[in-house]
Full PDB file with SEQRES, HELIX, SHEET, SSBOND, CRYST1, ORIGX, SCALE, CONECT and MASTER records, all heavy atoms in Angstrom:
SEQRES   1 A   39  ALA ALA ARG GLU ALA ASP CYS ASN LEU VAL VAL LEU SER          
SEQRES   2 A   39  GLY ASP SER HIS ASN ALA TRP GLY ASN GLU LEU ALA ILE          
SEQRES   3 A   39  GLU GLY ALA ALA ALA GLY VAL GLU TYR ALA GLY HIS SER          
SHEET    1 AA1 3 LEU A   9  SER A  13  0                                        
SHEET    2 AA1 3 ALA A  29  ALA A  36  1                                        
SHEET    3 AA1 3 TRP A  20  ILE A  26 -1                                        
CRYST1    1.000    1.000    1.000  90.00  90.00  90.00 P 1           1          
ORIGX1      1.000000  0.000000  0.000000        0.00000                         
ORIGX2      0.000000  1.000000  0.000000        0.00000                         
ORIGX3      0.000000  0.000000  1.000000        0.00000                         
SCALE1      1.000000  0.000000  0.000000        0.00000                         
SCALE2      0.000000  1.000000  0.000000        0.00000                         
SCALE3      0.000000  0.000000  1.000000        0.00000                         
ATOM      1  N   ALA A   1      19.148 -43.182 -28.239  1.00  0.00           N  
ATOM      2  CA  ALA A   1      18.484 -41.899 -28.467  1.00  0.00           C  
ATOM      3  C   ALA A   1      18.148 -41.727 -29.945  1.00  0.00           C  
ATOM      4  O   ALA A   1      17.053 -41.258 -30.298  1.00  0.00           O  
ATOM      5  CB  ALA A   1      19.372 -40.754 -27.984  1.00  0.00           C  
ATOM      6  N   ALA A   2      19.077 -42.097 -30.818  1.00  0.00           N  
ATOM      7  CA  ALA A   2      18.833 -41.975 -32.250  1.00  0.00           C  
ATOM      8  C   ALA A   2      17.712 -42.907 -32.702  1.00  0.00           C  
ATOM      9  O   ALA A   2      16.848 -42.523 -33.508  1.00  0.00           O  
ATOM     10  CB  ALA A   2      20.111 -42.268 -33.019  1.00  0.00           C  
ATOM     11  N   ARG A   3      17.713 -44.120 -32.189  1.00  0.00           N  
ATOM     12  CA  ARG A   3      16.697 -45.081 -32.581  1.00  0.00           C  
ATOM     13  C   ARG A   3      15.320 -44.665 -32.061  1.00  0.00           C  
ATOM     14  O   ARG A   3      14.318 -44.723 -32.808  1.00  0.00           O  
ATOM     15  CB  ARG A   3      17.065 -46.474 -32.044  1.00  0.00           C  
ATOM     16  CG  ARG A   3      16.104 -47.575 -32.434  1.00  0.00           C  
ATOM     17  CD  ARG A   3      16.095 -47.820 -33.922  1.00  0.00           C  
ATOM     18  NE  ARG A   3      15.044 -48.770 -34.298  1.00  0.00           N  
ATOM     19  CZ  ARG A   3      14.731 -49.077 -35.543  1.00  0.00           C  
ATOM     20  NH1 ARG A   3      15.390 -48.519 -36.542  1.00  0.00           N  
ATOM     21  NH2 ARG A   3      13.776 -49.932 -35.802  1.00  0.00           N  
ATOM     22  N   GLU A   4      15.249 -44.255 -30.823  1.00  0.00           N  
ATOM     23  CA  GLU A   4      13.964 -43.849 -30.248  1.00  0.00           C  
ATOM     24  C   GLU A   4      13.405 -42.610 -30.926  1.00  0.00           C  
ATOM     25  O   GLU A   4      12.186 -42.415 -30.960  1.00  0.00           O  
ATOM     26  CB  GLU A   4      14.123 -43.624 -28.748  1.00  0.00           C  
ATOM     27  CG  GLU A   4      14.354 -44.919 -27.973  1.00  0.00           C  
ATOM     28  CD  GLU A   4      14.554 -44.702 -26.489  1.00  0.00           C  
ATOM     29  OE1 GLU A   4      14.663 -43.515 -26.080  1.00  0.00           O  
ATOM     30  OE2 GLU A   4      14.591 -45.691 -25.733  1.00  0.00           O  
ATOM     31  N   ALA A   5      14.289 -41.758 -31.469  1.00  0.00           N  
ATOM     32  CA  ALA A   5      13.837 -40.557 -32.174  1.00  0.00           C  
ATOM     33  C   ALA A   5      13.502 -40.837 -33.632  1.00  0.00           C  
ATOM     34  O   ALA A   5      13.095 -39.937 -34.363  1.00  0.00           O  
ATOM     35  CB  ALA A   5      14.922 -39.485 -32.102  1.00  0.00           C  
ATOM     36  N   ASP A   6      13.691 -42.095 -34.066  1.00  0.00           N  
ATOM     37  CA  ASP A   6      13.426 -42.506 -35.443  1.00  0.00           C  
ATOM     38  C   ASP A   6      14.342 -41.775 -36.422  1.00  0.00           C  
ATOM     39  O   ASP A   6      13.937 -41.395 -37.533  1.00  0.00           O  
ATOM     40  CB  ASP A   6      11.961 -42.265 -35.815  1.00  0.00           C  
ATOM     41  CG  ASP A   6      11.515 -43.144 -36.978  1.00  0.00           C  
ATOM     42  OD1 ASP A   6      12.116 -44.206 -37.191  1.00  0.00           O  
ATOM     43  OD2 ASP A   6      10.574 -42.744 -37.689  1.00  0.00           O  
ATOM     44  N   CYS A   7      15.591 -41.586 -36.013  1.00  0.00           N  
ATOM     45  CA  CYS A   7      16.575 -40.922 -36.864  1.00  0.00           C  
ATOM     46  C   CYS A   7      17.012 -41.842 -37.993  1.00  0.00           C  
ATOM     47  O   CYS A   7      17.021 -43.067 -37.859  1.00  0.00           O  
ATOM     48  CB  CYS A   7      17.813 -40.536 -36.058  1.00  0.00           C  
ATOM     49  SG  CYS A   7      17.558 -39.207 -34.866  1.00  0.00           S  
ATOM     50  N   ASN A   8      17.424 -41.249 -39.094  1.00  0.00           N  
ATOM     51  CA  ASN A   8      18.171 -41.929 -40.136  1.00  0.00           C  
ATOM     52  C   ASN A   8      19.620 -41.484 -39.972  1.00  0.00           C  
ATOM     53  O   ASN A   8      20.071 -40.512 -40.575  1.00  0.00           O  
ATOM     54  CB  ASN A   8      17.619 -41.590 -41.518  1.00  0.00           C  
ATOM     55  CG  ASN A   8      16.439 -42.449 -41.880  1.00  0.00           C  
ATOM     56  OD1 ASN A   8      16.555 -43.474 -42.537  1.00  0.00           O  
ATOM     57  ND2 ASN A   8      15.248 -42.033 -41.417  1.00  0.00           N  
ATOM     58  N   LEU A   9      20.322 -42.197 -39.112  1.00  0.00           N  
ATOM     59  CA  LEU A   9      21.637 -41.775 -38.641  1.00  0.00           C  
ATOM     60  C   LEU A   9      22.736 -42.222 -39.597  1.00  0.00           C  
ATOM     61  O   LEU A   9      22.844 -43.394 -39.948  1.00  0.00           O  
ATOM     62  CB  LEU A   9      21.890 -42.369 -37.250  1.00  0.00           C  
ATOM     63  CG  LEU A   9      23.201 -41.977 -36.558  1.00  0.00           C  
ATOM     64  CD1 LEU A   9      23.203 -40.497 -36.212  1.00  0.00           C  
ATOM     65  CD2 LEU A   9      23.392 -42.818 -35.290  1.00  0.00           C  
ATOM     66  N   VAL A  10      23.566 -41.258 -39.976  1.00  0.00           N  
ATOM     67  CA  VAL A  10      24.761 -41.518 -40.779  1.00  0.00           C  
ATOM     68  C   VAL A  10      25.942 -40.930 -40.015  1.00  0.00           C  
ATOM     69  O   VAL A  10      26.042 -39.716 -39.841  1.00  0.00           O  
ATOM     70  CB  VAL A  10      24.668 -40.890 -42.178  1.00  0.00           C  
ATOM     71  CG1 VAL A  10      25.963 -41.116 -42.966  1.00  0.00           C  
ATOM     72  CG2 VAL A  10      23.487 -41.464 -42.946  1.00  0.00           C  
ATOM     73  N   VAL A  11      26.819 -41.796 -39.528  1.00  0.00           N  
ATOM     74  CA  VAL A  11      27.966 -41.362 -38.732  1.00  0.00           C  
ATOM     75  C   VAL A  11      29.194 -41.256 -39.622  1.00  0.00           C  
ATOM     76  O   VAL A  11      29.473 -42.170 -40.417  1.00  0.00           O  
ATOM     77  CB  VAL A  11      28.230 -42.345 -37.576  1.00  0.00           C  
ATOM     78  CG1 VAL A  11      29.476 -41.937 -36.791  1.00  0.00           C  
ATOM     79  CG2 VAL A  11      27.017 -42.409 -36.651  1.00  0.00           C  
ATOM     80  N   LEU A  12      29.916 -40.156 -39.492  1.00  0.00           N  
ATOM     81  CA  LEU A  12      31.180 -39.950 -40.198  1.00  0.00           C  
ATOM     82  C   LEU A  12      32.299 -39.939 -39.171  1.00  0.00           C  
ATOM     83  O   LEU A  12      32.179 -39.292 -38.131  1.00  0.00           O  
ATOM     84  CB  LEU A  12      31.170 -38.626 -40.969  1.00  0.00           C  
ATOM     85  CG  LEU A  12      29.971 -38.363 -41.878  1.00  0.00           C  
ATOM     86  CD1 LEU A  12      30.147 -37.050 -42.612  1.00  0.00           C  
ATOM     87  CD2 LEU A  12      29.764 -39.515 -42.851  1.00  0.00           C  
ATOM     88  N   SER A  13      33.385 -40.642 -39.454  1.00  0.00           N  
ATOM     89  CA  SER A  13      34.465 -40.806 -38.483  1.00  0.00           C  
ATOM     90  C   SER A  13      35.818 -40.760 -39.167  1.00  0.00           C  
ATOM     91  O   SER A  13      35.923 -40.869 -40.391  1.00  0.00           O  
ATOM     92  CB  SER A  13      34.328 -42.140 -37.740  1.00  0.00           C  
ATOM     93  OG  SER A  13      33.023 -42.348 -37.265  1.00  0.00           O  
ATOM     94  N   GLY A  14      36.864 -40.664 -38.348  1.00  0.00           N  
ATOM     95  CA  GLY A  14      38.229 -40.725 -38.839  1.00  0.00           C  
ATOM     96  C   GLY A  14      39.099 -41.469 -37.856  1.00  0.00           C  
ATOM     97  O   GLY A  14      38.724 -42.490 -37.317  1.00  0.00           O  
ATOM     98  N   ASP A  15      40.307 -40.957 -37.602  1.00  0.00           N  
ATOM     99  CA  ASP A  15      41.200 -41.355 -36.516  1.00  0.00           C  
ATOM    100  C   ASP A  15      41.936 -42.665 -36.731  1.00  0.00           C  
ATOM    101  O   ASP A  15      43.113 -42.768 -36.430  1.00  0.00           O  
ATOM    102  CB  ASP A  15      40.450 -41.388 -35.188  1.00  0.00           C  
ATOM    103  CG  ASP A  15      41.350 -41.745 -34.009  1.00  0.00           C  
ATOM    104  OD1 ASP A  15      42.227 -40.937 -33.672  1.00  0.00           O  
ATOM    105  OD2 ASP A  15      41.179 -42.829 -33.445  1.00  0.00           O  
ATOM    106  N   SER A  16      41.304 -43.703 -37.268  1.00  0.00           N  
ATOM    107  CA  SER A  16      41.905 -45.040 -37.239  1.00  0.00           C  
ATOM    108  C   SER A  16      42.887 -45.294 -38.375  1.00  0.00           C  
ATOM    109  O   SER A  16      43.601 -46.299 -38.348  1.00  0.00           O  
ATOM    110  CB  SER A  16      40.811 -46.110 -37.284  1.00  0.00           C  
ATOM    111  OG  SER A  16      40.341 -46.304 -38.601  1.00  0.00           O  
ATOM    112  N   HIS A  17      42.902 -44.429 -39.388  1.00  0.00           N  
ATOM    113  CA  HIS A  17      43.765 -44.538 -40.569  1.00  0.00           C  
ATOM    114  C   HIS A  17      43.272 -45.574 -41.573  1.00  0.00           C  
ATOM    115  O   HIS A  17      43.823 -45.664 -42.675  1.00  0.00           O  
ATOM    116  CB  HIS A  17      45.224 -44.868 -40.204  1.00  0.00           C  
ATOM    117  CG  HIS A  17      45.850 -43.945 -39.218  1.00  0.00           C  
ATOM    118  ND1 HIS A  17      47.123 -44.131 -38.721  1.00  0.00           N  
ATOM    119  CD2 HIS A  17      45.378 -42.816 -38.628  1.00  0.00           C  
ATOM    120  CE1 HIS A  17      47.419 -43.166 -37.860  1.00  0.00           C  
ATOM    121  NE2 HIS A  17      46.364 -42.360 -37.791  1.00  0.00           N  
ATOM    122  N   ASN A  18      42.280 -46.368 -41.213  1.00  0.00           N  
ATOM    123  CA  ASN A  18      41.763 -47.415 -42.082  1.00  0.00           C  
ATOM    124  C   ASN A  18      40.315 -47.124 -42.455  1.00  0.00           C  
ATOM    125  O   ASN A  18      39.647 -46.321 -41.811  1.00  0.00           O  
ATOM    126  CB  ASN A  18      41.862 -48.774 -41.391  1.00  0.00           C  
ATOM    127  CG  ASN A  18      43.290 -49.122 -41.018  1.00  0.00           C  
ATOM    128  OD1 ASN A  18      44.106 -49.436 -41.876  1.00  0.00           O  
ATOM    129  ND2 ASN A  18      43.608 -49.058 -39.737  1.00  0.00           N  
ATOM    130  N   ALA A  19      39.843 -47.787 -43.512  1.00  0.00           N  
ATOM    131  CA  ALA A  19      38.494 -47.558 -44.018  1.00  0.00           C  
ATOM    132  C   ALA A  19      37.543 -48.621 -43.487  1.00  0.00           C  
ATOM    133  O   ALA A  19      37.800 -49.817 -43.636  1.00  0.00           O  
ATOM    134  CB  ALA A  19      38.497 -47.582 -45.547  1.00  0.00           C  
ATOM    135  N   TRP A  20      36.448 -48.179 -42.878  1.00  0.00           N  
ATOM    136  CA  TRP A  20      35.466 -49.098 -42.307  1.00  0.00           C  
ATOM    137  C   TRP A  20      34.059 -48.658 -42.715  1.00  0.00           C  
ATOM    138  O   TRP A  20      33.726 -47.471 -42.658  1.00  0.00           O  
ATOM    139  CB  TRP A  20      35.522 -49.110 -40.780  1.00  0.00           C  
ATOM    140  CG  TRP A  20      36.888 -49.192 -40.160  1.00  0.00           C  
ATOM    141  CD1 TRP A  20      37.601 -48.162 -39.620  1.00  0.00           C  
ATOM    142  CD2 TRP A  20      37.693 -50.365 -39.999  1.00  0.00           C  
ATOM    143  NE1 TRP A  20      38.796 -48.615 -39.126  1.00  0.00           N  
ATOM    144  CE2 TRP A  20      38.888 -49.965 -39.345  1.00  0.00           C  
ATOM    145  CE3 TRP A  20      37.528 -51.712 -40.334  1.00  0.00           C  
ATOM    146  CZ2 TRP A  20      39.905 -50.856 -39.028  1.00  0.00           C  
ATOM    147  CZ3 TRP A  20      38.533 -52.601 -40.021  1.00  0.00           C  
ATOM    148  CH2 TRP A  20      39.711 -52.181 -39.372  1.00  0.00           C  
ATOM    149  N   GLY A  21      33.233 -49.620 -43.072  1.00  0.00           N  
ATOM    150  CA  GLY A  21      31.807 -49.377 -43.248  1.00  0.00           C  
ATOM    151  C   GLY A  21      31.061 -50.187 -42.215  1.00  0.00           C  
ATOM    152  O   GLY A  21      30.997 -51.419 -42.320  1.00  0.00           O  
ATOM    153  N   ASN A  22      30.524 -49.535 -41.199  1.00  0.00           N  
ATOM    154  CA  ASN A  22      29.895 -50.228 -40.073  1.00  0.00           C  
ATOM    155  C   ASN A  22      28.387 -50.033 -40.072  1.00  0.00           C  
ATOM    156  O   ASN A  22      27.889 -48.923 -40.291  1.00  0.00           O  
ATOM    157  CB  ASN A  22      30.451 -49.693 -38.744  1.00  0.00           C  
ATOM    158  CG  ASN A  22      31.841 -50.202 -38.449  1.00  0.00           C  
ATOM    159  OD1 ASN A  22      32.075 -51.406 -38.412  1.00  0.00           O  
ATOM    160  ND2 ASN A  22      32.784 -49.285 -38.238  1.00  0.00           N  
ATOM    161  N   GLU A  23      27.677 -51.120 -39.784  1.00  0.00           N  
ATOM    162  CA  GLU A  23      26.250 -51.036 -39.520  1.00  0.00           C  
ATOM    163  C   GLU A  23      26.056 -50.982 -38.009  1.00  0.00           C  
ATOM    164  O   GLU A  23      26.548 -51.850 -37.280  1.00  0.00           O  
ATOM    165  CB  GLU A  23      25.533 -52.241 -40.126  1.00  0.00           C  
ATOM    166  CG  GLU A  23      25.608 -52.238 -41.644  1.00  0.00           C  
ATOM    167  CD  GLU A  23      24.882 -53.389 -42.300  1.00  0.00           C  
ATOM    168  OE1 GLU A  23      24.778 -54.456 -41.670  1.00  0.00           O  
ATOM    169  OE2 GLU A  23      24.432 -53.222 -43.451  1.00  0.00           O  
ATOM    170  N   LEU A  24      25.375 -49.950 -37.558  1.00  0.00           N  
ATOM    171  CA  LEU A  24      25.207 -49.691 -36.127  1.00  0.00           C  
ATOM    172  C   LEU A  24      23.853 -50.202 -35.662  1.00  0.00           C  
ATOM    173  O   LEU A  24      22.837 -50.012 -36.343  1.00  0.00           O  
ATOM    174  CB  LEU A  24      25.329 -48.192 -35.860  1.00  0.00           C  
ATOM    175  CG  LEU A  24      26.593 -47.514 -36.406  1.00  0.00           C  
ATOM    176  CD1 LEU A  24      26.494 -46.001 -36.267  1.00  0.00           C  
ATOM    177  CD2 LEU A  24      27.843 -48.044 -35.712  1.00  0.00           C  
ATOM    178  N   ALA A  25      23.833 -50.830 -34.495  1.00  0.00           N  
ATOM    179  CA  ALA A  25      22.583 -51.406 -33.990  1.00  0.00           C  
ATOM    180  C   ALA A  25      22.502 -51.236 -32.483  1.00  0.00           C  
ATOM    181  O   ALA A  25      23.517 -51.070 -31.797  1.00  0.00           O  
ATOM    182  CB  ALA A  25      22.490 -52.882 -34.358  1.00  0.00           C  
ATOM    183  N   ILE A  26      21.288 -51.264 -31.970  1.00  0.00           N  
ATOM    184  CA  ILE A  26      21.042 -51.229 -30.534  1.00  0.00           C  
ATOM    185  C   ILE A  26      20.048 -52.338 -30.213  1.00  0.00           C  
ATOM    186  O   ILE A  26      18.939 -52.370 -30.769  1.00  0.00           O  
ATOM    187  CB  ILE A  26      20.518 -49.837 -30.076  1.00  0.00           C  
ATOM    188  CG1 ILE A  26      20.261 -49.817 -28.580  1.00  0.00           C  
ATOM    189  CG2 ILE A  26      19.304 -49.406 -30.854  1.00  0.00           C  
ATOM    190  CD1 ILE A  26      21.511 -49.790 -27.751  1.00  0.00           C  
ATOM    191  N   GLU A  27      20.474 -53.288 -29.400  1.00  0.00           N  
ATOM    192  CA  GLU A  27      19.659 -54.438 -29.015  1.00  0.00           C  
ATOM    193  C   GLU A  27      19.085 -55.150 -30.234  1.00  0.00           C  
ATOM    194  O   GLU A  27      17.911 -55.535 -30.265  1.00  0.00           O  
ATOM    195  CB  GLU A  27      18.540 -54.005 -28.059  1.00  0.00           C  
ATOM    196  CG  GLU A  27      19.078 -53.467 -26.733  1.00  0.00           C  
ATOM    197  CD  GLU A  27      17.983 -52.960 -25.816  1.00  0.00           C  
ATOM    198  OE1 GLU A  27      16.828 -52.831 -26.287  1.00  0.00           O  
ATOM    199  OE2 GLU A  27      18.290 -52.678 -24.653  1.00  0.00           O  
ATOM    200  N   GLY A  28      19.914 -55.283 -31.262  1.00  0.00           N  
ATOM    201  CA  GLY A  28      19.526 -55.999 -32.462  1.00  0.00           C  
ATOM    202  C   GLY A  28      18.779 -55.187 -33.489  1.00  0.00           C  
ATOM    203  O   GLY A  28      18.568 -55.653 -34.613  1.00  0.00           O  
ATOM    204  N   ALA A  29      18.366 -53.984 -33.133  1.00  0.00           N  
ATOM    205  CA  ALA A  29      17.627 -53.133 -34.069  1.00  0.00           C  
ATOM    206  C   ALA A  29      18.584 -52.194 -34.790  1.00  0.00           C  
ATOM    207  O   ALA A  29      19.443 -51.566 -34.163  1.00  0.00           O  
ATOM    208  CB  ALA A  29      16.575 -52.314 -33.325  1.00  0.00           C  
ATOM    209  N   ALA A  30      18.454 -52.091 -36.099  1.00  0.00           N  
ATOM    210  CA  ALA A  30      19.315 -51.217 -36.884  1.00  0.00           C  
ATOM    211  C   ALA A  30      19.142 -49.772 -36.439  1.00  0.00           C  
ATOM    212  O   ALA A  30      18.020 -49.269 -36.325  1.00  0.00           O  
ATOM    213  CB  ALA A  30      18.986 -51.353 -38.363  1.00  0.00           C  
ATOM    214  N   ALA A  31      20.262 -49.090 -36.191  1.00  0.00           N  
ATOM    215  CA  ALA A  31      20.219 -47.711 -35.716  1.00  0.00           C  
ATOM    216  C   ALA A  31      20.838 -46.720 -36.683  1.00  0.00           C  
ATOM    217  O   ALA A  31      20.652 -45.516 -36.548  1.00  0.00           O  
ATOM    218  CB  ALA A  31      20.937 -47.600 -34.366  1.00  0.00           C  
ATOM    219  N   GLY A  32      21.606 -47.209 -37.670  1.00  0.00           N  
ATOM    220  CA  GLY A  32      22.249 -46.316 -38.612  1.00  0.00           C  
ATOM    221  C   GLY A  32      23.484 -46.954 -39.188  1.00  0.00           C  
ATOM    222  O   GLY A  32      23.785 -48.129 -38.945  1.00  0.00           O  
ATOM    223  N   VAL A  33      24.213 -46.176 -39.978  1.00  0.00           N  
ATOM    224  CA  VAL A  33      25.437 -46.678 -40.612  1.00  0.00           C  
ATOM    225  C   VAL A  33      26.571 -45.703 -40.344  1.00  0.00           C  
ATOM    226  O   VAL A  33      26.360 -44.538 -39.998  1.00  0.00           O  
ATOM    227  CB  VAL A  33      25.255 -46.857 -42.130  1.00  0.00           C  
ATOM    228  CG1 VAL A  33      24.150 -47.863 -42.433  1.00  0.00           C  
ATOM    229  CG2 VAL A  33      24.982 -45.520 -42.816  1.00  0.00           C  
ATOM    230  N   GLU A  34      27.782 -46.206 -40.534  1.00  0.00           N  
ATOM    231  CA  GLU A  34      28.971 -45.385 -40.319  1.00  0.00           C  
ATOM    232  C   GLU A  34      29.917 -45.505 -41.508  1.00  0.00           C  
ATOM    233  O   GLU A  34      30.276 -46.604 -41.919  1.00  0.00           O  
ATOM    234  CB  GLU A  34      29.701 -45.828 -39.055  1.00  0.00           C  
ATOM    235  CG  GLU A  34      31.006 -45.066 -38.809  1.00  0.00           C  
ATOM    236  CD  GLU A  34      31.734 -45.532 -37.561  1.00  0.00           C  
ATOM    237  OE1 GLU A  34      31.653 -46.750 -37.256  1.00  0.00           O  
ATOM    238  OE2 GLU A  34      32.383 -44.711 -36.902  1.00  0.00           O  
ATOM    239  N   TYR A  35      30.308 -44.339 -42.042  1.00  0.00           N  
ATOM    240  CA  TYR A  35      31.396 -44.258 -43.003  1.00  0.00           C  
ATOM    241  C   TYR A  35      32.618 -43.767 -42.229  1.00  0.00           C  
ATOM    242  O   TYR A  35      32.753 -42.573 -41.934  1.00  0.00           O  
ATOM    243  CB  TYR A  35      31.068 -43.288 -44.127  1.00  0.00           C  
ATOM    244  CG  TYR A  35      29.923 -43.726 -45.016  1.00  0.00           C  
ATOM    245  CD1 TYR A  35      28.617 -43.307 -44.756  1.00  0.00           C  
ATOM    246  CD2 TYR A  35      30.147 -44.551 -46.122  1.00  0.00           C  
ATOM    247  CE1 TYR A  35      27.565 -43.696 -45.586  1.00  0.00           C  
ATOM    248  CE2 TYR A  35      29.099 -44.941 -46.956  1.00  0.00           C  
ATOM    249  CZ  TYR A  35      27.812 -44.507 -46.672  1.00  0.00           C  
ATOM    250  OH  TYR A  35      26.768 -44.893 -47.483  1.00  0.00           O  
ATOM    251  N   ALA A  36      33.492 -44.704 -41.858  1.00  0.00           N  
ATOM    252  CA  ALA A  36      34.714 -44.345 -41.148  1.00  0.00           C  
ATOM    253  C   ALA A  36      35.821 -44.188 -42.176  1.00  0.00           C  
ATOM    254  O   ALA A  36      36.193 -45.143 -42.861  1.00  0.00           O  
ATOM    255  CB  ALA A  36      35.064 -45.412 -40.108  1.00  0.00           C  
ATOM    256  N   GLY A  37      36.332 -42.981 -42.272  1.00  0.00           N  
ATOM    257  CA  GLY A  37      37.281 -42.666 -43.324  1.00  0.00           C  
ATOM    258  C   GLY A  37      38.692 -43.105 -43.016  1.00  0.00           C  
ATOM    259  O   GLY A  37      39.132 -43.078 -41.867  1.00  0.00           O  
ATOM    260  N   HIS A  38      39.404 -43.499 -44.055  1.00  0.00           N  
ATOM    261  CA  HIS A  38      40.824 -43.793 -43.974  1.00  0.00           C  
ATOM    262  C   HIS A  38      41.606 -42.480 -43.943  1.00  0.00           C  
ATOM    263  O   HIS A  38      41.051 -41.401 -44.117  1.00  0.00           O  
ATOM    264  CB  HIS A  38      41.246 -44.683 -45.135  1.00  0.00           C  
ATOM    265  CG  HIS A  38      40.675 -44.288 -46.475  1.00  0.00           C  
ATOM    266  ND1 HIS A  38      39.399 -43.792 -46.627  1.00  0.00           N  
ATOM    267  CD2 HIS A  38      41.198 -44.299 -47.725  1.00  0.00           C  
ATOM    268  CE1 HIS A  38      39.173 -43.533 -47.904  1.00  0.00           C  
ATOM    269  NE2 HIS A  38      40.245 -43.818 -48.585  1.00  0.00           N  
ATOM    270  N   SER A  39      42.880 -42.564 -43.741  1.00  0.00           N  
ATOM    271  CA  SER A  39      43.689 -41.363 -43.585  1.00  0.00           C  
ATOM    272  C   SER A  39      44.093 -40.756 -44.928  1.00  0.00           C  
ATOM    273  O   SER A  39      44.139 -41.440 -45.952  1.00  0.00           O  
ATOM    274  CB  SER A  39      44.954 -41.698 -42.796  1.00  0.00           C  
ATOM    275  OG  SER A  39      45.740 -42.623 -43.518  1.00  0.00           O  
TER     276      SER A  39                                                      
MASTER        0    0    0    0    3    0    0    6  275    1    0    3          
END                                                                             
């Protein structure tokens, strides 16, 4: 949905206690990025 809408998606997350920087994709196409925060 984000890719088809041509969004510039930035996802913010927590929960895992660790720090992650994820590149999100759908069927090989870049869909956005994620800043997953540490605790």
